[in-house]
Amino acid sequence: MSVFGWSRVWLVLNIVALLGCTSGTPAPTKLAQAPTTAPFDRVAIRKETPNGPTTLLEGVSARMVTEVGASNLRLVYDKSANELLMLGPGNEIWAVSLTEAHPNKEKRVTSRELNLFKGEQVSGMRMAADGNLYVVYNTKPTPDTTQAGVIRGTMTATGKRDWKLAVRTEPYPASNTNFDHLYNGLTFSPDGKWMYLNAGSRTDHGEIESTKGVYPGLREVPLTTKVLRVPANADGLVLSNDDAQLRAGGYVFVDGTRNAYDMAFAPNGDLIAGDNGPDSDYPDEINWLREGRHYGFPWRFGAFDNPQQLPAYDPATDKRLSQDFVAVKGKTYVNDPTYPKAPTAFTDPILNRGPAGAWYKADDGSNKNAGKEEKPLAGITPHRSPLGLSFAFDPSFPADLRGTNDDPTLLFVSWGAAGSDIPDKGFDLLMMRMHKTVDNYEARTIQVAKDFKNPIDTVLVKNKLYVLEFGNGAIWEITFD
């Protein structure tokens, strides 16, 4: 594995880019709680936690498990040891016991054991049903290329994991901008046979990113803007930056995702993913991913067409551009006569009927709440960055909140908006009751807790949701009684 030194500053900047929010990380904004509506009939309350989140639903409480330090990335649950495993910024894995009331973190795996050194930066982690632990990393073989890989840790008789390469990509062109979303999220099919891997975009909205002229006219490449599917038992598999080869190998599951940073299977086997929108005021998304579908990027955001593909586009009159975003300040929104034609029909996001997470920017630049308008929004409020998707289906989770197979309950956090004047900034925990329709889902969404500091991942253990904060360096236990 190649060597290319990346500092912690790089990590922070790139986490912001990976999550699709590229103008900074402001403090959480205090938001008014939207009224609770069916199908969640519990009373809305307000219960503050010292130096922590405020819970907003009857029967929901919060407590700090422990402080773990800032800039941790991922959280998984190891059932065999009853502990949380946390992926840290130094290419290390730490453990937090759930058998102790106030545990300290303990180092479980070092960067040397992972065989990841200065050249690689971890970005994703997930445990498969067989107990194998998988870690996603990215590296830069040359200054103008990037490369991703997944390593598998198999437990041995010594109590240590044996780490080997499961899959890697060929090197592919980096844009060397904040819009290199790289590889990060992964999950496994319910039968354990398949690994699903997010291949993030190298552009903000499909603009030309030539890497200072190294790649003239280049936008996206075959190894970006997809969710890939590979055998979970892959051993040294190499994914080519060639579209025909990827499709011939059956590795392309879906196209048209910008940055599906988190994915989770619903109890009925449907694969659901969050996706981060661009540096303009278009919705973020919650998508039901189905093989062979195209989810619109970069031609469509939510149910809105990307205007840069239109011959008459004038960014000076675009009311969805906010000057506090990198892509806008960098003047990447332009009249673009060579913008490629849309290749196919698209599948829109899950329809959100609110009341929470349903703000949008209208064509005239005004901010609207689709929930109050009693009309669905294809997606969720722009710039929220939906992360840490967890489905509530364990029998110990309260029955009135749990849902059913075709009406599942999804919990997810919001990293938080880094710009725009849309008032719904996130930094919270949402609960979405999904209802399957003919060819999609629609959902009612409520705010369960707020005032987190850049929450980045969650794991649900029975009726307790553990939330990892990137900014504050704490793990919170949210209990549903």
Protein backbone atom coordinates (compact mmCIF):
# COMPACT_ATOMS: atom_id res chain seq x y z
CA MET A 1 0.00 0.00 0.00
CA SER A 2 1.42 3.33 -1.06
CA VAL A 3 2.60 6.17 1.15
CA PHE A 4 1.28 9.71 0.98
CA GLY A 5 1.24 11.75 4.18
CA TRP A 6 -2.13 13.18 5.25
CA SER A 7 -2.49 15.34 8.34
CA ARG A 8 -5.39 15.64 10.75
CA VAL A 9 -6.23 18.96 9.07
CA TRP A 10 -6.69 17.00 5.86
CA LEU A 11 -8.95 14.59 7.72
CA VAL A 12 -11.24 17.32 9.06
CA LEU A 13 -11.48 19.09 5.70
CA ASN A 14 -12.15 15.88 3.85
CA ILE A 15 -14.76 14.62 6.32
CA VAL A 16 -16.61 17.88 5.67
CA ALA A 17 -16.24 17.22 1.93
CA LEU A 18 -17.24 13.55 2.25
CA LEU A 19 -20.45 14.62 3.92
CA GLY A 20 -21.25 17.17 1.24
CA CYS A 21 -21.00 20.29 3.45
CA THR A 22 -18.05 22.37 2.39
CA SER A 23 -18.11 25.77 4.05
CA GLY A 24 -17.25 24.89 7.63
CA THR A 25 -18.80 23.39 10.75
CA PRO A 26 -20.79 26.01 12.68
CA ALA A 27 -22.23 25.45 16.13
CA PRO A 28 -25.59 23.70 16.27
CA THR A 29 -28.57 25.96 15.77
CA LYS A 30 -31.42 25.79 18.26
CA LEU A 31 -34.57 24.82 16.36
CA ALA A 32 -38.20 24.82 17.30
CA GLN A 33 -39.62 21.31 17.53
CA ALA A 34 -42.13 20.49 14.81
CA PRO A 35 -45.46 19.18 16.12
CA THR A 36 -45.76 15.43 16.43
CA THR A 37 -48.20 13.91 13.92
CA ALA A 38 -49.46 10.42 13.09
CA PRO A 39 -48.23 7.71 12.89
CA PHE A 40 -46.21 8.75 15.95
CA ASP A 41 -48.79 9.56 18.60
CA ARG A 42 -46.48 10.25 21.54
CA VAL A 43 -46.49 13.64 23.22
CA ALA A 44 -43.78 16.11 22.18
CA ILE A 45 -41.70 17.25 25.14
CA ARG A 46 -38.43 19.08 25.74
CA LYS A 47 -35.85 17.50 28.06
CA GLU A 48 -32.37 19.01 28.12
CA THR A 49 -29.23 17.02 28.92
CA PRO A 50 -26.26 18.92 30.43
CA ASN A 51 -23.76 19.71 27.65
CA GLY A 52 -25.63 17.34 25.38
CA PRO A 53 -28.70 16.76 23.24
CA THR A 54 -32.24 17.78 24.01
CA THR A 55 -34.80 14.98 23.67
CA LEU A 56 -38.17 15.91 22.22
CA LEU A 57 -40.42 12.87 22.51
CA GLU A 58 -42.12 11.33 25.51
CA GLY A 59 -40.29 8.20 26.69
CA VAL A 60 -37.00 9.16 25.04
CA SER A 61 -34.00 10.03 27.23
CA ALA A 62 -30.29 10.73 26.71
CA ARG A 63 -27.13 10.10 28.71
CA MET A 64 -23.45 10.37 27.90
CA VAL A 65 -21.71 6.99 27.72
CA THR A 66 -18.20 8.41 27.56
CA GLU A 67 -15.99 11.06 26.01
CA VAL A 68 -13.81 9.60 23.28
CA GLY A 69 -12.13 12.62 21.69
CA ALA A 70 -13.01 14.43 18.48
CA SER A 71 -12.75 13.28 14.86
CA ASN A 72 -13.83 9.65 15.23
CA LEU A 73 -15.60 8.37 12.14
CA ARG A 74 -17.59 5.16 12.56
CA LEU A 75 -19.37 3.11 15.18
CA VAL A 76 -20.30 -0.59 15.09
CA TYR A 77 -21.59 -3.04 17.69
CA ASP A 78 -19.67 -6.22 18.49
CA LYS A 79 -22.32 -8.51 19.96
CA SER A 80 -19.81 -11.18 20.96
CA ALA A 81 -18.08 -8.79 23.37
CA ASN A 82 -21.02 -6.44 24.07
CA GLU A 83 -18.94 -3.44 23.10
CA LEU A 84 -18.93 -0.59 20.63
CA LEU A 85 -16.07 -0.47 18.14
CA MET A 86 -15.04 2.98 16.95
CA LEU A 87 -12.95 3.87 13.91
CA GLY A 88 -10.52 6.63 14.83
CA PRO A 89 -8.64 9.27 12.81
CA GLY A 90 -5.25 7.61 13.31
CA ASN A 91 -6.26 4.46 11.42
CA GLU A 92 -6.99 2.75 14.73
CA ILE A 93 -9.99 0.91 16.16
CA TRP A 94 -11.08 1.55 19.74
CA ALA A 95 -13.56 -0.30 21.96
CA VAL A 96 -16.08 1.03 24.47
CA SER A 97 -17.65 -1.58 26.76
CA LEU A 98 -21.40 -1.56 27.27
CA THR A 99 -21.17 -3.64 30.43
CA GLU A 100 -19.74 -0.71 32.42
CA ALA A 101 -21.70 2.36 33.48
CA HIS A 102 -18.86 4.79 32.67
CA PRO A 103 -16.37 3.01 30.42
CA ASN A 104 -13.14 4.33 28.99
CA LYS A 105 -12.09 3.65 25.43
CA GLU A 106 -9.52 0.92 24.86
CA LYS A 107 -7.41 0.43 21.77
CA ARG A 108 -8.32 -2.78 19.94
CA VAL A 109 -6.50 -2.52 16.61
CA THR A 110 -3.47 -0.40 15.68
CA SER A 111 -2.70 1.08 12.28
CA ARG A 112 0.21 -1.36 12.01
CA GLU A 113 -2.14 -4.30 12.55
CA LEU A 114 -4.40 -2.90 9.83
CA ASN A 115 -1.36 -2.60 7.55
CA LEU A 116 -2.42 1.01 6.98
CA PHE A 117 0.25 3.63 7.39
CA LYS A 118 0.71 7.29 6.45
CA GLY A 119 -0.47 6.75 2.91
CA GLU A 120 -3.95 5.46 3.67
CA GLN A 121 -6.83 7.16 5.44
CA VAL A 122 -9.71 5.12 6.86
CA SER A 123 -13.28 6.22 6.04
CA GLY A 124 -15.71 3.37 6.71
CA MET A 125 -16.23 0.32 8.92
CA ARG A 126 -18.91 -2.33 9.24
CA MET A 127 -19.16 -5.74 10.92
CA ALA A 128 -20.68 -8.57 8.90
CA ALA A 129 -23.05 -11.13 10.41
CA ASP A 130 -20.23 -13.71 10.59
CA GLY A 131 -18.22 -11.41 12.88
CA ASN A 132 -15.68 -10.34 10.26
CA LEU A 133 -14.83 -6.65 10.48
CA TYR A 134 -14.39 -4.59 7.30
CA VAL A 135 -12.59 -1.24 7.00
CA VAL A 136 -12.65 1.09 4.00
CA TYR A 137 -9.61 3.24 3.21
CA ASN A 138 -8.53 5.73 0.54
CA THR A 139 -5.02 6.60 -0.60
CA LYS A 140 -3.23 8.71 -3.24
CA PRO A 141 -0.82 6.66 -5.38
CA THR A 142 0.20 9.86 -7.19
CA PRO A 143 -0.63 13.54 -6.59
CA ASP A 144 -3.40 13.46 -9.22
CA THR A 145 -4.98 10.05 -8.57
CA THR A 146 -6.83 8.38 -5.76
CA GLN A 147 -7.51 4.74 -4.92
CA ALA A 148 -9.81 2.92 -2.49
CA GLY A 149 -9.75 -0.43 -0.79
CA VAL A 150 -11.54 -2.60 1.77
CA ILE A 151 -9.69 -4.82 4.22
CA ARG A 152 -11.24 -7.71 6.15
CA GLY A 153 -10.35 -8.60 9.72
CA THR A 154 -10.99 -12.23 10.63
CA MET A 155 -10.74 -13.24 14.29
CA THR A 156 -8.05 -15.81 15.07
CA ALA A 157 -7.48 -18.15 18.01
CA THR A 158 -5.12 -15.58 19.55
CA GLY A 159 -7.98 -13.10 19.98
CA LYS A 160 -6.47 -10.82 17.33
CA ARG A 161 -7.82 -10.21 13.85
CA ASP A 162 -5.95 -11.23 10.72
CA TRP A 163 -6.29 -8.37 8.22
CA LYS A 164 -6.23 -9.02 4.48
CA LEU A 165 -7.24 -7.08 1.39
CA ALA A 166 -10.74 -7.95 0.22
CA VAL A 167 -11.13 -5.50 -2.67
CA ARG A 168 -9.45 -2.41 -4.07
CA THR A 169 -9.96 -0.11 -7.00
CA GLU A 170 -7.51 0.77 -9.68
CA PRO A 171 -6.12 4.28 -9.26
CA TYR A 172 -8.53 6.79 -10.79
CA PRO A 173 -8.41 10.55 -11.45
CA ALA A 174 -8.76 12.75 -8.38
CA SER A 175 -10.18 16.24 -8.74
CA ASN A 176 -8.05 17.44 -5.79
CA THR A 177 -10.98 19.53 -4.61
CA ASN A 178 -13.40 19.31 -1.69
CA PHE A 179 -15.60 17.28 -4.02
CA ASP A 180 -13.49 14.12 -4.02
CA HIS A 181 -16.04 12.18 -1.97
CA LEU A 182 -14.01 8.98 -2.25
CA TYR A 183 -15.15 5.59 -0.89
CA ASN A 184 -16.66 5.37 2.58
CA GLY A 185 -20.01 3.69 3.36
CA LEU A 186 -20.51 -0.06 3.14
CA THR A 187 -23.02 -2.66 4.27
CA PHE A 188 -23.82 -6.33 3.74
CA SER A 189 -26.81 -8.17 2.33
CA PRO A 190 -29.04 -9.92 4.88
CA ASP A 191 -27.73 -13.31 3.71
CA GLY A 192 -24.13 -12.16 4.16
CA LYS A 193 -23.11 -12.95 0.59
CA TRP A 194 -22.69 -9.42 -0.80
CA MET A 195 -20.88 -6.24 0.16
CA TYR A 196 -22.34 -2.90 -0.98
CA LEU A 197 -19.78 -0.10 -1.28
CA ASN A 198 -20.30 3.61 -1.88
CA ALA A 199 -18.26 5.12 -4.72
CA GLY A 200 -18.58 8.87 -4.16
CA SER A 201 -18.42 11.55 -6.82
CA ARG A 202 -15.35 13.58 -7.80
CA THR A 203 -17.43 16.68 -8.61
CA ASP A 204 -19.97 18.82 -6.77
CA HIS A 205 -22.70 18.81 -9.45
CA GLY A 206 -21.19 17.26 -12.56
CA GLU A 207 -19.02 20.24 -13.48
CA ILE A 208 -15.69 19.85 -15.26
CA GLU A 209 -12.91 19.17 -12.75
CA SER A 210 -9.72 18.93 -14.80
CA THR A 211 -7.25 18.84 -11.86
CA LYS A 212 -5.47 21.96 -13.13
CA GLY A 213 -5.50 20.71 -16.71
CA VAL A 214 -4.25 17.17 -16.05
CA TYR A 215 -7.61 15.71 -17.15
CA PRO A 216 -9.11 18.12 -19.72
CA GLY A 217 -12.90 18.15 -19.80
CA LEU A 218 -13.23 15.39 -17.15
CA ARG A 219 -16.34 15.20 -14.98
CA GLU A 220 -17.04 11.76 -13.45
CA VAL A 221 -15.35 8.41 -14.14
CA PRO A 222 -16.53 4.77 -14.04
CA LEU A 223 -15.35 4.29 -10.43
CA THR A 224 -17.45 7.20 -9.09
CA THR A 225 -21.16 8.03 -8.54
CA LYS A 226 -22.27 4.45 -7.90
CA VAL A 227 -23.01 1.89 -5.26
CA LEU A 228 -20.95 -1.16 -6.13
CA ARG A 229 -21.75 -4.73 -5.15
CA VAL A 230 -19.01 -7.32 -4.71
CA PRO A 231 -18.83 -10.75 -3.06
CA ALA A 232 -18.39 -10.43 0.69
CA ASN A 233 -15.72 -13.14 0.54
CA ALA A 234 -13.72 -11.34 -2.16
CA ASP A 235 -9.99 -11.94 -1.84
CA GLY A 236 -7.79 -9.31 -3.48
CA LEU A 237 -10.44 -8.35 -6.05
CA VAL A 238 -9.41 -5.36 -8.22
CA LEU A 239 -12.13 -3.08 -9.63
CA SER A 240 -11.22 -1.53 -12.97
CA ASN A 241 -11.87 2.10 -13.88
CA ASP A 242 -13.64 0.79 -16.96
CA ASP A 243 -17.41 0.91 -17.18
CA ALA A 244 -17.81 -2.11 -19.45
CA GLN A 245 -15.63 -4.28 -17.21
CA LEU A 246 -17.45 -3.19 -14.04
CA ARG A 247 -20.81 -4.05 -15.59
CA ALA A 248 -19.60 -7.31 -17.11
CA GLY A 249 -18.43 -8.37 -13.65
CA GLY A 250 -21.83 -7.54 -12.16
CA TYR A 251 -20.25 -5.01 -9.80
CA VAL A 252 -22.48 -2.01 -10.57
CA PHE A 253 -25.55 -2.17 -8.33
CA VAL A 254 -26.91 1.35 -8.95
CA ASP A 255 -25.80 4.54 -10.72
CA GLY A 256 -26.38 8.21 -10.03
CA THR A 257 -25.58 8.51 -6.32
CA ARG A 258 -23.47 11.48 -5.27
CA ASN A 259 -22.25 10.27 -1.89
CA ALA A 260 -24.22 7.46 -0.24
CA TYR A 261 -22.19 7.76 2.96
CA ASP A 262 -24.50 5.44 4.92
CA MET A 263 -26.64 2.47 3.88
CA ALA A 264 -28.82 0.02 5.81
CA PHE A 265 -31.15 -2.85 5.02
CA ALA A 266 -34.73 -2.52 6.23
CA PRO A 267 -36.26 -5.55 8.00
CA ASN A 268 -38.03 -6.46 4.74
CA GLY A 269 -34.70 -6.63 2.86
CA ASP A 270 -34.94 -3.28 1.03
CA LEU A 271 -31.65 -1.36 0.85
CA ILE A 272 -31.99 2.28 1.99
CA ALA A 273 -29.26 4.92 1.64
CA GLY A 274 -28.76 8.55 2.53
CA ASP A 275 -27.22 10.83 -0.08
CA ASN A 276 -25.74 14.30 0.28
CA GLY A 277 -26.79 17.04 -2.13
CA PRO A 278 -24.61 19.65 -3.84
CA ASP A 279 -23.34 23.08 -2.83
CA SER A 280 -26.64 24.62 -3.87
CA ASP A 281 -30.01 24.55 -2.16
CA TYR A 282 -31.34 21.25 -3.49
CA PRO A 283 -32.58 18.43 -1.25
CA ASP A 284 -30.46 15.79 0.36
CA GLU A 285 -31.96 12.35 -0.19
CA ILE A 286 -33.09 9.10 1.40
CA ASN A 287 -33.23 6.52 -1.40
CA TRP A 288 -34.55 3.00 -1.79
CA LEU A 289 -31.74 1.44 -3.83
CA ARG A 290 -32.76 -1.16 -6.39
CA GLU A 291 -30.47 -2.96 -8.78
CA GLY A 292 -30.09 -1.34 -12.19
CA ARG A 293 -31.72 1.96 -11.23
CA HIS A 294 -30.23 5.42 -11.76
CA TYR A 295 -30.73 7.94 -8.93
CA GLY A 296 -30.14 11.07 -10.94
CA PHE A 297 -26.74 12.50 -10.09
CA PRO A 298 -25.60 14.82 -11.55
CA TRP A 299 -28.69 15.58 -13.66
CA ARG A 300 -31.25 15.56 -10.86
CA PHE A 301 -31.31 16.49 -7.16
CA GLY A 302 -34.39 15.29 -5.31
CA ALA A 303 -37.10 15.91 -7.90
CA PHE A 304 -35.35 19.05 -9.28
CA ASP A 305 -33.40 19.09 -12.51
CA ASN A 306 -29.84 20.39 -12.30
CA PRO A 307 -30.10 23.72 -14.17
CA GLN A 308 -26.47 23.64 -15.36
CA GLN A 309 -27.52 21.14 -18.02
CA LEU A 310 -29.89 23.72 -19.55
CA PRO A 311 -28.62 25.79 -22.52
CA ALA A 312 -29.99 29.06 -21.09
CA TYR A 313 -28.64 28.59 -17.56
CA ASP A 314 -27.42 31.84 -15.95
CA PRO A 315 -25.89 31.41 -12.48
CA ALA A 316 -26.39 35.12 -11.80
CA THR A 317 -30.15 34.52 -11.63
CA ASP A 318 -29.99 31.19 -9.77
CA LYS A 319 -31.76 31.75 -6.44
CA ARG A 320 -30.46 28.45 -5.01
CA LEU A 321 -26.81 29.50 -4.96
CA SER A 322 -25.44 30.61 -1.60
CA GLN A 323 -22.09 32.39 -1.42
CA ASP A 324 -21.06 30.52 1.72
CA PHE A 325 -20.43 27.31 -0.24
CA VAL A 326 -17.13 26.37 -1.84
CA ALA A 327 -18.53 25.38 -5.24
CA VAL A 328 -20.33 28.72 -5.52
CA LYS A 329 -17.36 30.80 -4.38
CA GLY A 330 -15.21 28.83 -6.81
CA LYS A 331 -17.54 29.77 -9.68
CA THR A 332 -18.16 26.17 -10.71
CA TYR A 333 -21.82 26.96 -11.43
CA VAL A 334 -21.58 28.23 -15.00
CA ASN A 335 -23.31 28.19 -18.33
CA ASP A 336 -22.05 24.84 -19.58
CA PRO A 337 -22.80 24.09 -23.26
CA THR A 338 -20.90 20.77 -23.18
CA TYR A 339 -22.84 19.40 -20.22
CA PRO A 340 -23.70 15.78 -21.15
CA LYS A 341 -27.27 14.71 -21.87
CA ALA A 342 -29.10 12.67 -19.25
CA PRO A 343 -28.58 8.97 -20.04
CA THR A 344 -31.82 7.42 -18.80
CA ALA A 345 -34.92 7.78 -16.65
CA PHE A 346 -34.29 8.40 -12.96
CA THR A 347 -35.65 7.06 -9.69
CA ASP A 348 -36.59 9.80 -7.23
CA PRO A 349 -35.94 9.74 -3.46
CA ILE A 350 -38.39 8.61 -0.80
CA LEU A 351 -41.16 11.20 -0.40
CA ASN A 352 -40.98 13.00 2.93
CA ARG A 353 -44.26 14.42 4.24
CA GLY A 354 -42.62 15.97 7.30
CA PRO A 355 -43.27 17.69 9.56
CA ALA A 356 -39.52 17.47 10.20
CA GLY A 357 -36.69 17.68 7.67
CA ALA A 358 -38.95 18.88 4.86
CA TRP A 359 -37.73 22.40 4.05
CA TYR A 360 -36.83 23.36 0.49
CA LYS A 361 -35.82 26.38 -1.59
CA ALA A 362 -38.44 27.57 -4.07
CA ASP A 363 -37.61 28.90 -7.52
CA ASP A 364 -38.02 32.49 -6.29
CA GLY A 365 -35.45 31.96 -3.54
CA SER A 366 -37.92 31.76 -0.67
CA ASN A 367 -37.68 29.03 1.97
CA LYS A 368 -40.68 26.71 2.20
CA ASN A 369 -41.71 23.91 4.55
CA ALA A 370 -43.34 21.09 2.58
CA GLY A 371 -44.65 19.58 5.80
CA LYS A 372 -46.65 22.70 6.62
CA GLU A 373 -47.81 22.91 3.01
CA GLU A 374 -49.05 19.31 3.37
CA LYS A 375 -47.26 18.17 0.24
CA PRO A 376 -44.40 15.69 -0.07
CA LEU A 377 -40.77 16.61 -0.62
CA ALA A 378 -38.65 14.21 -2.66
CA GLY A 379 -35.84 14.04 -0.17
CA ILE A 380 -35.05 15.96 3.00
CA THR A 381 -33.96 19.52 3.81
CA PRO A 382 -30.86 20.59 1.84
CA HIS A 383 -27.42 20.26 3.48
CA ARG A 384 -28.59 18.19 6.46
CA SER A 385 -26.25 15.29 5.52
CA PRO A 386 -28.20 12.19 6.65
CA LEU A 387 -25.91 9.74 8.48
CA GLY A 388 -25.99 6.75 10.79
CA LEU A 389 -29.03 4.97 9.34
CA SER A 390 -30.52 2.44 11.77
CA PHE A 391 -33.78 0.50 11.47
CA ALA A 392 -35.83 -0.10 14.62
CA PHE A 393 -37.09 -3.68 14.41
CA ASP A 394 -35.88 -5.40 17.58
CA PRO A 395 -38.81 -6.60 19.74
CA SER A 396 -37.45 -4.58 22.68
CA PHE A 397 -37.97 -1.33 20.74
CA PRO A 398 -41.34 0.22 21.71
CA ALA A 399 -44.10 -1.30 19.56
CA ASP A 400 -45.77 2.05 18.85
CA LEU A 401 -42.53 3.36 17.30
CA ARG A 402 -41.21 0.17 15.73
CA GLY A 403 -43.39 -0.10 12.64
CA THR A 404 -43.82 -3.20 10.47
CA ASN A 405 -42.07 -4.94 7.60
CA ASP A 406 -43.57 -2.73 4.90
CA ASP A 407 -43.93 0.30 7.19
CA PRO A 408 -40.49 0.29 8.87
CA THR A 409 -39.08 2.92 11.21
CA LEU A 410 -35.77 4.51 10.20
CA LEU A 411 -33.60 6.51 12.60
CA PHE A 412 -30.83 8.78 11.33
CA VAL A 413 -28.79 11.76 12.44
CA SER A 414 -27.84 14.96 10.65
CA TRP A 415 -24.22 16.12 10.58
CA GLY A 416 -25.63 19.62 10.16
CA ALA A 417 -25.77 22.29 7.48
CA ALA A 418 -22.64 24.33 6.89
CA GLY A 419 -24.32 27.14 4.99
CA SER A 420 -27.47 28.49 3.32
CA ASP A 421 -30.23 30.59 4.88
CA ILE A 422 -32.65 27.64 5.09
CA PRO A 423 -33.61 27.60 8.80
CA ASP A 424 -33.64 23.80 9.27
CA LYS A 425 -29.95 23.19 10.10
CA GLY A 426 -30.03 19.65 11.44
CA PHE A 427 -27.54 18.56 14.16
CA ASP A 428 -30.34 16.26 15.30
CA LEU A 429 -31.91 12.80 15.33
CA LEU A 430 -34.90 12.16 13.09
CA MET A 431 -37.35 9.26 13.09
CA MET A 432 -38.95 8.37 9.77
CA ARG A 433 -41.94 6.04 9.50
CA MET A 434 -41.82 4.74 5.95
CA HIS A 435 -44.82 3.42 4.03
CA LYS A 436 -44.34 1.38 0.86
CA THR A 437 -46.29 2.57 -2.16
CA VAL A 438 -46.48 1.09 -5.67
CA ASP A 439 -42.89 1.89 -6.66
CA ASN A 440 -41.34 3.76 -3.74
CA TYR A 441 -41.83 4.77 -0.13
CA GLU A 442 -43.38 7.85 1.40
CA ALA A 443 -42.70 8.81 4.99
CA ARG A 444 -43.70 10.85 7.99
CA THR A 445 -40.71 12.28 9.84
CA ILE A 446 -40.35 13.75 13.32
CA GLN A 447 -37.47 15.23 15.28
CA VAL A 448 -36.60 13.04 18.27
CA ALA A 449 -33.56 14.87 19.68
CA LYS A 450 -31.50 17.95 18.76
CA ASP A 451 -28.40 19.93 19.72
CA PHE A 452 -25.84 17.26 18.86
CA LYS A 453 -22.38 18.42 17.73
CA ASN A 454 -21.82 17.01 14.26
CA PRO A 455 -23.19 13.51 14.89
CA ILE A 456 -21.59 11.17 12.37
CA ASP A 457 -22.76 7.61 13.08
CA THR A 458 -25.20 5.53 15.11
CA VAL A 459 -25.75 1.93 16.10
CA LEU A 460 -28.99 0.56 17.53
CA VAL A 461 -28.76 -2.10 20.24
CA LYS A 462 -32.25 -3.28 21.22
CA ASN A 463 -34.02 -0.10 22.39
CA LYS A 464 -30.88 2.03 22.78
CA LEU A 465 -29.41 4.12 19.99
CA TYR A 466 -25.73 5.02 20.39
CA VAL A 467 -24.77 8.26 18.68
CA LEU A 468 -21.14 9.16 17.92
CA GLU A 469 -20.34 12.87 17.72
CA PHE A 470 -17.50 13.92 15.45
CA GLY A 471 -17.24 17.44 16.82
CA ASN A 472 -17.70 16.95 20.57
CA GLY A 473 -15.99 13.59 20.89
CA ALA A 474 -18.76 11.93 22.89
CA ILE A 475 -20.92 8.82 22.57
CA TRP A 476 -24.54 9.35 23.63
CA GLU A 477 -27.05 6.68 24.57
CA ILE A 478 -30.60 7.52 23.45
CA THR A 479 -33.08 5.21 25.17
CA PHE A 480 -36.58 4.56 23.80
CA ASP A 481 -39.00 3.40 26.52
